[in-house]
Amino acid sequence: MENRPHETPSEVTAEEGEVQVDGPGGVAISFTPDAAFETSDRLFHGATKAQGQKVQREERKKGPTGA
């Protein structure tokens, strides 16, 4: 099985004091509220870092400017 990044965001709901996440590829998980807060923080920071890496990669592909 190939592990490729998904472009479809997960669905998130709260039911009976749990945070439930239904994601692409059949991913289903539930978190306590505390674990959901920490996971969301980690996702935010990971996404911010990955977006910066993507921008840097695109800039390198363009090559030097003003030359």
C-alpha atoms as a PDB file:
ATOM      1  CA  MET A   1       0.000   0.000   0.000  1.00  0.00           C
ATOM      2  CA  GLU A   2       1.316   3.402  -0.976  1.00  0.00           C
ATOM      3  CA  ASN A   3       1.162   6.156   1.639  1.00  0.00           C
ATOM      4  CA  ARG A   4       0.557   9.380  -0.292  1.00  0.00           C
ATOM      5  CA  PRO A   5      -0.641  12.675   1.134  1.00  0.00           C
ATOM      6  CA  HIS A   6      -4.366  13.309   0.892  1.00  0.00           C
ATOM      7  CA  GLU A   7      -5.776  16.566  -0.444  1.00  0.00           C
ATOM      8  CA  THR A   8      -9.191  16.080   1.155  1.00  0.00           C
ATOM      9  CA  PRO A   9      -9.535  17.490   4.673  1.00  0.00           C
ATOM     10  CA  SER A  10     -11.009  15.345   7.429  1.00  0.00           C
ATOM     11  CA  GLU A  11     -14.491  15.802   8.847  1.00  0.00           C
ATOM     12  CA  VAL A  12     -14.530  16.596  12.565  1.00  0.00           C
ATOM     13  CA  THR A  13     -17.488  16.346  14.940  1.00  0.00           C
ATOM     14  CA  ALA A  14     -18.012  16.373  18.699  1.00  0.00           C
ATOM     15  CA  GLU A  15     -20.290  13.757  20.221  1.00  0.00           C
ATOM     16  CA  GLU A  16     -20.788  12.832  23.860  1.00  0.00           C
ATOM     17  CA  GLY A  17     -17.611  14.561  24.999  1.00  0.00           C
ATOM     18  CA  GLU A  18     -15.365  13.070  22.317  1.00  0.00           C
ATOM     19  CA  VAL A  19     -13.920  14.599  19.169  1.00  0.00           C
ATOM     20  CA  GLN A  20     -14.420  12.286  16.204  1.00  0.00           C
ATOM     21  CA  VAL A  21     -12.368  12.543  13.045  1.00  0.00           C
ATOM     22  CA  ASP A  22     -13.391  10.862   9.783  1.00  0.00           C
ATOM     23  CA  GLY A  23     -10.690  11.222   7.204  1.00  0.00           C
ATOM     24  CA  PRO A  24      -9.931  10.095   3.683  1.00  0.00           C
ATOM     25  CA  GLY A  25      -9.055   6.483   3.064  1.00  0.00           C
ATOM     26  CA  GLY A  26     -11.421   5.278   5.773  1.00  0.00           C
ATOM     27  CA  VAL A  27      -9.505   6.837   8.659  1.00  0.00           C
ATOM     28  CA  ALA A  28     -11.699   7.109  11.744  1.00  0.00           C
ATOM     29  CA  ILE A  29     -10.434   8.091  15.189  1.00  0.00           C
ATOM     30  CA  SER A  30     -11.779   9.741  18.290  1.00  0.00           C
ATOM     31  CA  PHE A  31      -9.964  11.915  20.809  1.00  0.00           C
ATOM     32  CA  THR A  32     -10.574  13.272  24.248  1.00  0.00           C
ATOM     33  CA  PRO A  33     -10.926  17.061  24.128  1.00  0.00           C
ATOM     34  CA  ASP A  34      -7.409  17.508  25.590  1.00  0.00           C
ATOM     35  CA  ALA A  35      -5.860  15.143  23.037  1.00  0.00           C
ATOM     36  CA  ALA A  36      -7.773  16.885  20.235  1.00  0.00           C
ATOM     37  CA  PHE A  37      -6.417  20.303  21.305  1.00  0.00           C
ATOM     38  CA  GLU A  38      -2.841  19.003  21.379  1.00  0.00           C
ATOM     39  CA  THR A  39      -3.274  17.196  18.051  1.00  0.00           C
ATOM     40  CA  SER A  40      -4.715  20.320  16.421  1.00  0.00           C
ATOM     41  CA  ASP A  41      -1.737  22.337  17.673  1.00  0.00           C
ATOM     42  CA  ARG A  42       0.699  19.766  16.287  1.00  0.00           C
ATOM     43  CA  LEU A  43      -1.165  19.676  12.963  1.00  0.00           C
ATOM     44  CA  PHE A  44      -1.080  23.477  12.742  1.00  0.00           C
ATOM     45  CA  HIS A  45       2.654  23.641  13.387  1.00  0.00           C
ATOM     46  CA  GLY A  46       3.369  20.743  11.017  1.00  0.00           C
ATOM     47  CA  ALA A  47       1.247  22.305   8.278  1.00  0.00           C
ATOM     48  CA  THR A  48       2.973  25.676   8.726  1.00  0.00           C
ATOM     49  CA  LYS A  49       6.399  24.065   8.448  1.00  0.00           C
ATOM     50  CA  ALA A  50       5.401  21.954   5.426  1.00  0.00           C
ATOM     51  CA  GLN A  51       3.931  25.004   3.663  1.00  0.00           C
ATOM     52  CA  GLY A  52       7.224  26.851   4.166  1.00  0.00           C
ATOM     53  CA  GLN A  53       9.128  23.872   2.751  1.00  0.00           C
ATOM     54  CA  LYS A  54       6.811  23.855  -0.262  1.00  0.00           C
ATOM     55  CA  VAL A  55       7.445  27.549  -0.904  1.00  0.00           C
ATOM     56  CA  GLN A  56      11.217  27.046  -0.594  1.00  0.00           C
ATOM     57  CA  ARG A  57      11.109  24.096  -2.994  1.00  0.00           C
ATOM     58  CA  GLU A  58       9.166  26.131  -5.557  1.00  0.00           C
ATOM     59  CA  GLU A  59      11.633  29.013  -5.234  1.00  0.00           C
ATOM     60  CA  ARG A  60      14.586  26.669  -5.826  1.00  0.00           C
ATOM     61  CA  LYS A  61      12.877  25.333  -8.964  1.00  0.00           C
ATOM     62  CA  LYS A  62      12.624  28.888 -10.302  1.00  0.00           C
ATOM     63  CA  GLY A  63      16.348  29.407  -9.841  1.00  0.00           C
ATOM     64  CA  PRO A  64      18.128  32.668  -9.103  1.00  0.00           C
ATOM     65  CA  THR A  65      16.248  35.860  -9.911  1.00  0.00           C
ATOM     66  CA  GLY A  66      17.677  39.028 -11.269  1.00  0.00           C
ATOM     67  CA  ALA A  67      20.628  37.256 -12.848  1.00  0.00           C
END
